[in-house]
Amino acid sequence: MRENLLRKKWASGEPTLGGWLMVPSSISAEIMAHAGFDWLCVDMQHGLIDYAQMVTLLQGISATDVTPLARVPWNEPGIIGKTLDAGARGVIIPMVNSRDEAEAAVAACRYAPAGRRSFGPVRARTHYGSDYYSRANDDVLCIVMVETRQAVEDVDQILSVPGVDAVYVGPADLSVTLGLQPAPDQTDAAFNDALNRICDSCKRNKVVPGIAGNSATAPKRIKQGFLLVEVASDVGLLGVGAANALQQVRPGGAGAKSAYL
């Protein structure tokens, strides 16, 4: 089983830059993979991608060294296990708001005795090799999303759960639960205090800090110490690129903006 490059880079304190896949196309996934991202995440929560389509996107990524992740629809062991069996090297699990929910997420990602994942890595074993089972518990990334006021308040309890490898902040949902408009960044003190609190907890608990965002927010997040940083999405790049190309031929219109870039 080849080395998980995210773990290698995080061990040396190197930030990893990623892209977000919401379009159900293995071709666009392949194009994104060849762009040079460290990781790509297939979004089954808010994207347009179902399970069967996710498998084809993972296959599109697999010709490169990009680490394939997937965001599952919910913290449910069935879909977490099937996603890992399909070859995702890690899962991003939304709306983890308590220690109990973090423990459930870890259990779904690990084989016994560390967890309760059922054995059947059909594509994962084919793609990664016959030693998949013996190495999976140390290789697979359990990434929990902290994206609510409640989760921030309980962040130490969540991130102190053994087996939580990384946290992924959802700025839009965090904003909403703080009474703000959904956005990838905020000037509001409560929002920025929440990010600082999450980063401090990651340091205490030796958990990798990650966050959603775009090419404008990514440099700021790297300076703040985040190591799992989203740079762009397929939807955002397509929308902005198409509109900007049209603007060059039809001057006078405003350049496109996207919450997903």
C-alpha atoms as a PDB file:
ATOM      1  CA  MET A   1       0.000   0.000   0.000  1.00  0.00           C
ATOM      2  CA  ARG A   2       1.550   3.284  -1.062  1.00  0.00           C
ATOM      3  CA  GLU A   3       2.155   6.006   1.473  1.00  0.00           C
ATOM      4  CA  ASN A   4      -0.602   8.480   2.301  1.00  0.00           C
ATOM      5  CA  LEU A   5       1.071  11.707   1.191  1.00  0.00           C
ATOM      6  CA  LEU A   6      -1.163  13.875   3.369  1.00  0.00           C
ATOM      7  CA  ARG A   7       0.101  12.173   6.512  1.00  0.00           C
ATOM      8  CA  LYS A   8       3.690  12.612   5.317  1.00  0.00           C
ATOM      9  CA  LYS A   9       3.286  16.333   4.650  1.00  0.00           C
ATOM     10  CA  TRP A  10       1.387  16.989   7.869  1.00  0.00           C
ATOM     11  CA  ALA A  11       4.124  15.269   9.870  1.00  0.00           C
ATOM     12  CA  SER A  12       6.558  17.901   8.605  1.00  0.00           C
ATOM     13  CA  GLY A  13       4.104  20.754   9.211  1.00  0.00           C
ATOM     14  CA  GLU A  14       3.512  21.339   5.503  1.00  0.00           C
ATOM     15  CA  PRO A  15       0.096  22.708   4.473  1.00  0.00           C
ATOM     16  CA  THR A  16      -1.775  20.646   1.888  1.00  0.00           C
ATOM     17  CA  LEU A  17      -3.874  22.377  -0.750  1.00  0.00           C
ATOM     18  CA  GLY A  18      -7.039  20.796  -2.035  1.00  0.00           C
ATOM     19  CA  GLY A  19      -9.918  21.038  -4.449  1.00  0.00           C
ATOM     20  CA  TRP A  20     -13.595  20.288  -4.039  1.00  0.00           C
ATOM     21  CA  LEU A  21     -15.562  18.116  -6.476  1.00  0.00           C
ATOM     22  CA  MET A  22     -19.326  18.694  -6.775  1.00  0.00           C
ATOM     23  CA  VAL A  23     -19.896  17.860 -10.450  1.00  0.00           C
ATOM     24  CA  PRO A  24     -20.724  14.178 -11.150  1.00  0.00           C
ATOM     25  CA  SER A  25     -18.100  13.734 -13.848  1.00  0.00           C
ATOM     26  CA  SER A  26     -15.016  11.541 -13.779  1.00  0.00           C
ATOM     27  CA  ILE A  27     -13.552  13.670 -16.580  1.00  0.00           C
ATOM     28  CA  SER A  28     -13.691  16.908 -14.591  1.00  0.00           C
ATOM     29  CA  ALA A  29     -12.292  15.016 -11.592  1.00  0.00           C
ATOM     30  CA  GLU A  30      -9.417  13.789 -13.749  1.00  0.00           C
ATOM     31  CA  ILE A  31      -8.748  17.332 -14.994  1.00  0.00           C
ATOM     32  CA  MET A  32      -8.713  18.645 -11.424  1.00  0.00           C
ATOM     33  CA  ALA A  33      -6.406  15.810 -10.350  1.00  0.00           C
ATOM     34  CA  HIS A  34      -3.860  16.689 -13.019  1.00  0.00           C
ATOM     35  CA  ALA A  35      -3.822  20.341 -11.893  1.00  0.00           C
ATOM     36  CA  GLY A  36      -1.477  19.461  -9.022  1.00  0.00           C
ATOM     37  CA  PHE A  37      -3.613  19.605  -5.882  1.00  0.00           C
ATOM     38  CA  ASP A  38      -2.430  17.628  -2.859  1.00  0.00           C
ATOM     39  CA  TRP A  39      -5.937  16.294  -2.266  1.00  0.00           C
ATOM     40  CA  LEU A  40      -9.378  16.308  -3.827  1.00  0.00           C
ATOM     41  CA  CYS A  41     -12.627  15.746  -1.986  1.00  0.00           C
ATOM     42  CA  VAL A  42     -15.692  14.227  -3.621  1.00  0.00           C
ATOM     43  CA  ASP A  43     -18.712  15.902  -2.014  1.00  0.00           C
ATOM     44  CA  MET A  44     -21.683  13.615  -1.455  1.00  0.00           C
ATOM     45  CA  GLN A  45     -23.311  15.933   1.091  1.00  0.00           C
ATOM     46  CA  HIS A  46     -23.994  19.097  -0.899  1.00  0.00           C
ATOM     47  CA  GLY A  47     -22.686  18.201  -4.326  1.00  0.00           C
ATOM     48  CA  LEU A  48     -24.649  16.501  -7.112  1.00  0.00           C
ATOM     49  CA  ILE A  49     -22.808  13.196  -6.710  1.00  0.00           C
ATOM     50  CA  ASP A  50     -24.296   9.869  -5.656  1.00  0.00           C
ATOM     51  CA  TYR A  51     -22.387   6.780  -4.510  1.00  0.00           C
ATOM     52  CA  ALA A  52     -21.952   5.127  -7.908  1.00  0.00           C
ATOM     53  CA  GLN A  53     -20.772   8.406  -9.412  1.00  0.00           C
ATOM     54  CA  MET A  54     -18.355   8.895  -6.530  1.00  0.00           C
ATOM     55  CA  VAL A  55     -16.634   5.629  -7.451  1.00  0.00           C
ATOM     56  CA  THR A  56     -15.995   6.872 -10.987  1.00  0.00           C
ATOM     57  CA  LEU A  57     -14.564  10.157  -9.640  1.00  0.00           C
ATOM     58  CA  LEU A  58     -12.186   8.224  -7.385  1.00  0.00           C
ATOM     59  CA  GLN A  59     -11.114   6.250 -10.449  1.00  0.00           C
ATOM     60  CA  GLY A  60     -10.538   9.507 -12.324  1.00  0.00           C
ATOM     61  CA  ILE A  61      -8.252  10.729  -9.539  1.00  0.00           C
ATOM     62  CA  SER A  62      -6.389   7.426  -9.192  1.00  0.00           C
ATOM     63  CA  ALA A  63      -4.027   7.931 -12.147  1.00  0.00           C
ATOM     64  CA  THR A  64      -2.301  10.677 -10.142  1.00  0.00           C
ATOM     65  CA  ASP A  65      -0.651  10.987  -6.719  1.00  0.00           C
ATOM     66  CA  VAL A  66      -3.477  13.199  -5.451  1.00  0.00           C
ATOM     67  CA  THR A  67      -4.979  11.875  -2.210  1.00  0.00           C
ATOM     68  CA  PRO A  68      -8.687  11.139  -2.713  1.00  0.00           C
ATOM     69  CA  LEU A  69     -11.059  12.134   0.087  1.00  0.00           C
ATOM     70  CA  ALA A  70     -14.847  12.101   0.213  1.00  0.00           C
ATOM     71  CA  ARG A  71     -17.372  13.986   2.272  1.00  0.00           C
ATOM     72  CA  VAL A  72     -20.150  11.625   3.245  1.00  0.00           C
ATOM     73  CA  PRO A  73     -23.753  12.831   3.579  1.00  0.00           C
ATOM     74  CA  TRP A  74     -23.890  12.222   7.321  1.00  0.00           C
ATOM     75  CA  ASN A  75     -22.209  10.564  10.290  1.00  0.00           C
ATOM     76  CA  GLU A  76     -23.598   7.121   9.490  1.00  0.00           C
ATOM     77  CA  PRO A  77     -21.455   3.956   9.527  1.00  0.00           C
ATOM     78  CA  GLY A  78     -22.947   2.356   6.425  1.00  0.00           C
ATOM     79  CA  ILE A  79     -22.035   5.131   4.003  1.00  0.00           C
ATOM     80  CA  ILE A  80     -18.679   5.769   5.729  1.00  0.00           C
ATOM     81  CA  GLY A  81     -17.683   2.122   5.295  1.00  0.00           C
ATOM     82  CA  LYS A  82     -18.855   1.931   1.679  1.00  0.00           C
ATOM     83  CA  THR A  83     -16.974   5.132   0.846  1.00  0.00           C
ATOM     84  CA  LEU A  84     -13.734   3.763   2.293  1.00  0.00           C
ATOM     85  CA  ASP A  85     -14.328   0.430   0.547  1.00  0.00           C
ATOM     86  CA  ALA A  86     -14.555   2.367  -2.723  1.00  0.00           C
ATOM     87  CA  GLY A  87     -11.044   3.703  -2.253  1.00  0.00           C
ATOM     88  CA  ALA A  88     -11.289   7.034  -0.451  1.00  0.00           C
ATOM     89  CA  ARG A  89      -8.165   7.506   1.698  1.00  0.00           C
ATOM     90  CA  GLY A  90     -10.207   9.494   4.179  1.00  0.00           C
ATOM     91  CA  VAL A  91     -13.703  10.722   4.908  1.00  0.00           C
ATOM     92  CA  ILE A  92     -14.882  14.170   5.922  1.00  0.00           C
ATOM     93  CA  ILE A  93     -17.852  13.727   8.246  1.00  0.00           C
ATOM     94  CA  PRO A  94     -20.281  16.652   8.620  1.00  0.00           C
ATOM     95  CA  MET A  95     -21.896  18.159  11.701  1.00  0.00           C
ATOM     96  CA  VAL A  96     -19.921  16.411  14.436  1.00  0.00           C
ATOM     97  CA  ASN A  97     -21.132  18.259  17.524  1.00  0.00           C
ATOM     98  CA  SER A  98     -20.156  16.114  20.505  1.00  0.00           C
ATOM     99  CA  ARG A  99     -17.664  13.589  21.840  1.00  0.00           C
ATOM    100  CA  ASP A 100     -20.167  10.773  21.294  1.00  0.00           C
ATOM    101  CA  GLU A 101     -20.562  11.733  17.651  1.00  0.00           C
ATOM    102  CA  ALA A 102     -16.783  11.915  17.202  1.00  0.00           C
ATOM    103  CA  GLU A 103     -16.403   8.457  18.751  1.00  0.00           C
ATOM    104  CA  ALA A 104     -19.044   7.113  16.348  1.00  0.00           C
ATOM    105  CA  ALA A 105     -17.177   8.633  13.388  1.00  0.00           C
ATOM    106  CA  VAL A 106     -13.880   7.040  14.424  1.00  0.00           C
ATOM    107  CA  ALA A 107     -15.503   3.653  15.022  1.00  0.00           C
ATOM    108  CA  ALA A 108     -16.955   3.686  11.510  1.00  0.00           C
ATOM    109  CA  CYS A 109     -13.490   4.323  10.025  1.00  0.00           C
ATOM    110  CA  ARG A 110     -11.511   1.632  11.913  1.00  0.00           C
ATOM    111  CA  TYR A 111     -11.508  -2.150  11.901  1.00  0.00           C
ATOM    112  CA  ALA A 112     -11.776  -3.970  15.236  1.00  0.00           C
ATOM    113  CA  PRO A 113     -10.510  -3.698  17.879  1.00  0.00           C
ATOM    114  CA  ALA A 114     -10.100   0.052  17.226  1.00  0.00           C
ATOM    115  CA  GLY A 115     -13.565   0.398  15.715  1.00  0.00           C
ATOM    116  CA  ARG A 116     -16.535  -1.289  14.101  1.00  0.00           C
ATOM    117  CA  ARG A 117     -15.854  -0.998  10.374  1.00  0.00           C
ATOM    118  CA  SER A 118     -17.057  -4.075   8.519  1.00  0.00           C
ATOM    119  CA  PHE A 119     -14.528  -5.816   6.273  1.00  0.00           C
ATOM    120  CA  GLY A 120     -15.117  -5.682   2.518  1.00  0.00           C
ATOM    121  CA  PRO A 121     -12.745  -3.216   0.815  1.00  0.00           C
ATOM    122  CA  VAL A 122     -13.652  -4.304  -2.698  1.00  0.00           C
ATOM    123  CA  ARG A 123     -12.045  -1.519  -4.724  1.00  0.00           C
ATOM    124  CA  ALA A 124      -9.700  -0.305  -1.975  1.00  0.00           C
ATOM    125  CA  ARG A 125      -7.885  -3.638  -1.756  1.00  0.00           C
ATOM    126  CA  THR A 126      -7.738  -3.972  -5.544  1.00  0.00           C
ATOM    127  CA  HIS A 127      -6.317  -0.491  -5.962  1.00  0.00           C
ATOM    128  CA  TYR A 128      -4.040  -0.205  -2.918  1.00  0.00           C
ATOM    129  CA  GLY A 129      -2.858  -3.796  -2.579  1.00  0.00           C
ATOM    130  CA  SER A 130      -3.274  -6.982  -0.579  1.00  0.00           C
ATOM    131  CA  ASP A 131      -1.867  -5.364   2.576  1.00  0.00           C
ATOM    132  CA  TYR A 132      -4.789  -2.939   2.725  1.00  0.00           C
ATOM    133  CA  TYR A 133      -6.377  -4.561   5.776  1.00  0.00           C
ATOM    134  CA  SER A 134      -3.202  -4.589   7.852  1.00  0.00           C
ATOM    135  CA  ARG A 135      -2.497  -0.917   7.156  1.00  0.00           C
ATOM    136  CA  ALA A 136      -5.948   0.631   6.830  1.00  0.00           C
ATOM    137  CA  ASN A 137      -6.409   1.645  10.477  1.00  0.00           C
ATOM    138  CA  ASP A 138      -3.193   3.664  10.381  1.00  0.00           C
ATOM    139  CA  ASP A 139      -3.751   4.983   6.857  1.00  0.00           C
ATOM    140  CA  VAL A 140      -7.402   6.018   6.570  1.00  0.00           C
ATOM    141  CA  LEU A 141      -8.106   9.589   7.659  1.00  0.00           C
ATOM    142  CA  CYS A 142     -11.045  10.310   9.960  1.00  0.00           C
ATOM    143  CA  ILE A 143     -11.779  14.004   9.467  1.00  0.00           C
ATOM    144  CA  VAL A 144     -14.604  15.470  11.537  1.00  0.00           C
ATOM    145  CA  MET A 145     -16.329  18.721  10.690  1.00  0.00           C
ATOM    146  CA  VAL A 146     -16.600  21.373  13.375  1.00  0.00           C
ATOM    147  CA  GLU A 147     -19.096  23.814  11.926  1.00  0.00           C
ATOM    148  CA  THR A 148     -21.532  24.892  14.625  1.00  0.00           C
ATOM    149  CA  ARG A 149     -21.513  27.004  17.754  1.00  0.00           C
ATOM    150  CA  GLN A 150     -22.117  23.849  19.809  1.00  0.00           C
ATOM    151  CA  ALA A 151     -19.147  22.046  18.225  1.00  0.00           C
ATOM    152  CA  VAL A 152     -16.850  24.987  18.928  1.00  0.00           C
ATOM    153  CA  GLU A 153     -17.950  25.030  22.559  1.00  0.00           C
ATOM    154  CA  ASP A 154     -17.181  21.296  22.846  1.00  0.00           C
ATOM    155  CA  VAL A 155     -14.162  21.272  20.528  1.00  0.00           C
ATOM    156  CA  ASP A 156     -11.728  19.895  23.119  1.00  0.00           C
ATOM    157  CA  GLN A 157     -14.058  16.999  23.868  1.00  0.00           C
ATOM    158  CA  ILE A 158     -14.423  16.277  20.146  1.00  0.00           C
ATOM    159  CA  LEU A 159     -10.752  16.520  19.193  1.00  0.00           C
ATOM    160  CA  SER A 160      -9.489  14.565  22.190  1.00  0.00           C
ATOM    161  CA  VAL A 161     -11.187  11.413  20.872  1.00  0.00           C
ATOM    162  CA  PRO A 162      -8.459   8.925  19.880  1.00  0.00           C
ATOM    163  CA  GLY A 163      -8.495   8.313  16.145  1.00  0.00           C
ATOM    164  CA  VAL A 164      -9.638  11.767  15.047  1.00  0.00           C
ATOM    165  CA  ASP A 165      -6.917  12.687  12.557  1.00  0.00           C
ATOM    166  CA  ALA A 166      -8.085  16.097  11.411  1.00  0.00           C
ATOM    167  CA  VAL A 167     -10.834  18.652  11.801  1.00  0.00           C
ATOM    168  CA  TYR A 168     -12.446  20.420   8.860  1.00  0.00           C
ATOM    169  CA  VAL A 169     -14.142  23.735   9.559  1.00  0.00           C
ATOM    170  CA  GLY A 170     -17.204  24.629   7.528  1.00  0.00           C
ATOM    171  CA  PRO A 171     -17.191  28.451   7.568  1.00  0.00           C
ATOM    172  CA  ALA A 172     -20.652  28.808   6.044  1.00  0.00           C
ATOM    173  CA  ASP A 173     -22.471  26.654   8.599  1.00  0.00           C
ATOM    174  CA  LEU A 174     -20.353  28.105  11.390  1.00  0.00           C
ATOM    175  CA  SER A 175     -21.400  31.574  10.262  1.00  0.00           C
ATOM    176  CA  VAL A 176     -25.078  30.607  10.217  1.00  0.00           C
ATOM    177  CA  THR A 177     -25.007  29.194  13.748  1.00  0.00           C
ATOM    178  CA  LEU A 178     -23.293  32.389  14.930  1.00  0.00           C
ATOM    179  CA  GLY A 179     -26.139  34.469  13.480  1.00  0.00           C
ATOM    180  CA  LEU A 180     -24.204  35.612  10.394  1.00  0.00           C
ATOM    181  CA  GLN A 181     -24.787  35.239   6.672  1.00  0.00           C
ATOM    182  CA  PRO A 182     -23.142  32.103   5.201  1.00  0.00           C
ATOM    183  CA  ALA A 183     -19.726  33.022   3.790  1.00  0.00           C
ATOM    184  CA  PRO A 184     -16.199  31.592   3.495  1.00  0.00           C
ATOM    185  CA  ASP A 185     -14.846  34.367   5.739  1.00  0.00           C
ATOM    186  CA  GLN A 186     -16.079  36.933   8.226  1.00  0.00           C
ATOM    187  CA  THR A 187     -14.776  40.019   9.994  1.00  0.00           C
ATOM    188  CA  ASP A 188     -17.020  39.328  12.981  1.00  0.00           C
ATOM    189  CA  ALA A 189     -15.089  38.745  16.214  1.00  0.00           C
ATOM    190  CA  ALA A 190     -17.165  35.701  17.196  1.00  0.00           C
ATOM    191  CA  PHE A 191     -16.266  33.931  13.954  1.00  0.00           C
ATOM    192  CA  ASN A 192     -12.552  34.646  14.232  1.00  0.00           C
ATOM    193  CA  ASP A 193     -12.524  33.744  17.925  1.00  0.00           C
ATOM    194  CA  ALA A 194     -14.090  30.392  16.965  1.00  0.00           C
ATOM    195  CA  LEU A 195     -11.329  29.717  14.422  1.00  0.00           C
ATOM    196  CA  ASN A 196      -8.656  30.563  16.994  1.00  0.00           C
ATOM    197  CA  ARG A 197     -10.305  28.285  19.534  1.00  0.00           C
ATOM    198  CA  ILE A 198     -10.378  25.413  17.033  1.00  0.00           C
ATOM    199  CA  CYS A 199      -6.706  25.902  16.070  1.00  0.00           C
ATOM    200  CA  ASP A 200      -5.654  26.022  19.723  1.00  0.00           C
ATOM    201  CA  SER A 201      -7.528  22.791  20.423  1.00  0.00           C
ATOM    202  CA  CYS A 202      -5.870  21.132  17.421  1.00  0.00           C
ATOM    203  CA  LYS A 203      -2.452  21.985  18.869  1.00  0.00           C
ATOM    204  CA  ARG A 204      -3.371  20.626  22.294  1.00  0.00           C
ATOM    205  CA  ASN A 205      -4.801  17.410  20.890  1.00  0.00           C
ATOM    206  CA  LYS A 206      -2.313  16.913  18.004  1.00  0.00           C
ATOM    207  CA  VAL A 207      -5.068  17.032  15.408  1.00  0.00           C
ATOM    208  CA  VAL A 208      -4.573  18.537  11.949  1.00  0.00           C
ATOM    209  CA  PRO A 209      -6.581  21.758  11.409  1.00  0.00           C
ATOM    210  CA  GLY A 210      -8.438  22.029   8.114  1.00  0.00           C
ATOM    211  CA  ILE A 211     -10.917  24.455   6.610  1.00  0.00           C
ATOM    212  CA  ALA A 212     -13.110  25.049   3.571  1.00  0.00           C
ATOM    213  CA  GLY A 213     -12.623  28.162   1.502  1.00  0.00           C
ATOM    214  CA  ASN A 214     -11.292  29.470  -1.785  1.00  0.00           C
ATOM    215  CA  SER A 215      -8.235  30.980  -3.449  1.00  0.00           C
ATOM    216  CA  ALA A 216      -8.814  34.285  -1.649  1.00  0.00           C
ATOM    217  CA  THR A 217      -9.076  32.801   1.839  1.00  0.00           C
ATOM    218  CA  ALA A 218      -6.453  30.041   1.467  1.00  0.00           C
ATOM    219  CA  PRO A 219      -3.321  32.198   2.017  1.00  0.00           C
ATOM    220  CA  LYS A 220      -4.877  33.657   5.162  1.00  0.00           C
ATOM    221  CA  ARG A 221      -5.749  30.206   6.480  1.00  0.00           C
ATOM    222  CA  ILE A 222      -2.219  28.927   5.889  1.00  0.00           C
ATOM    223  CA  LYS A 223      -0.857  31.847   7.933  1.00  0.00           C
ATOM    224  CA  GLN A 224      -3.323  30.939  10.673  1.00  0.00           C
ATOM    225  CA  GLY A 225      -1.831  27.438  10.813  1.00  0.00           C
ATOM    226  CA  PHE A 226      -4.360  25.373   8.869  1.00  0.00           C
ATOM    227  CA  LEU A 227      -2.786  22.372   7.115  1.00  0.00           C
ATOM    228  CA  LEU A 228      -5.791  20.977   5.184  1.00  0.00           C
ATOM    229  CA  VAL A 229      -6.833  23.946   3.068  1.00  0.00           C
ATOM    230  CA  GLU A 230      -9.382  24.135   0.258  1.00  0.00           C
ATOM    231  CA  VAL A 231      -8.342  26.353  -2.650  1.00  0.00           C
ATOM    232  CA  ALA A 232     -11.103  25.913  -5.238  1.00  0.00           C
ATOM    233  CA  SER A 233     -14.025  23.817  -6.425  1.00  0.00           C
ATOM    234  CA  ASP A 234     -14.948  22.488  -9.840  1.00  0.00           C
ATOM    235  CA  VAL A 235     -18.269  24.382  -9.758  1.00  0.00           C
ATOM    236  CA  GLY A 236     -16.607  27.660  -8.823  1.00  0.00           C
ATOM    237  CA  LEU A 237     -13.823  27.354 -11.379  1.00  0.00           C
ATOM    238  CA  LEU A 238     -16.274  26.520 -14.155  1.00  0.00           C
ATOM    239  CA  GLY A 239     -18.664  29.341 -13.321  1.00  0.00           C
ATOM    240  CA  VAL A 240     -16.040  32.041 -12.867  1.00  0.00           C
ATOM    241  CA  GLY A 241     -13.895  30.893 -15.791  1.00  0.00           C
ATOM    242  CA  ALA A 242     -16.826  30.821 -18.203  1.00  0.00           C
ATOM    243  CA  ALA A 243     -18.118  34.236 -17.151  1.00  0.00           C
ATOM    244  CA  ASN A 244     -14.687  35.852 -17.267  1.00  0.00           C
ATOM    245  CA  ALA A 245     -14.003  34.414 -20.726  1.00  0.00           C
ATOM    246  CA  LEU A 246     -17.291  35.872 -21.957  1.00  0.00           C
ATOM    247  CA  GLN A 247     -16.472  39.232 -20.376  1.00  0.00           C
ATOM    248  CA  GLN A 248     -13.275  39.455 -22.426  1.00  0.00           C
ATOM    249  CA  VAL A 249     -15.354  39.279 -25.619  1.00  0.00           C
ATOM    250  CA  ARG A 250     -18.367  41.234 -24.333  1.00  0.00           C
ATOM    251  CA  PRO A 251     -16.811  44.039 -22.253  1.00  0.00           C
ATOM    252  CA  GLY A 252     -18.743  45.953 -19.660  1.00  0.00           C
ATOM    253  CA  GLY A 253     -20.229  43.095 -17.688  1.00  0.00           C
ATOM    254  CA  ALA A 254     -19.174  42.336 -14.153  1.00  0.00           C
ATOM    255  CA  GLY A 255     -16.794  39.436 -13.605  1.00  0.00           C
ATOM    256  CA  ALA A 256     -18.382  36.407 -12.035  1.00  0.00           C
ATOM    257  CA  LYS A 257     -18.094  35.555  -8.382  1.00  0.00           C
ATOM    258  CA  SER A 258     -18.795  32.219  -6.742  1.00  0.00           C
ATOM    259  CA  ALA A 259     -19.110  31.060  -3.159  1.00  0.00           C
ATOM    260  CA  TYR A 260     -17.565  27.759  -4.298  1.00  0.00           C
ATOM    261  CA  LEU A 261     -14.317  29.052  -5.806  1.00  0.00           C
END
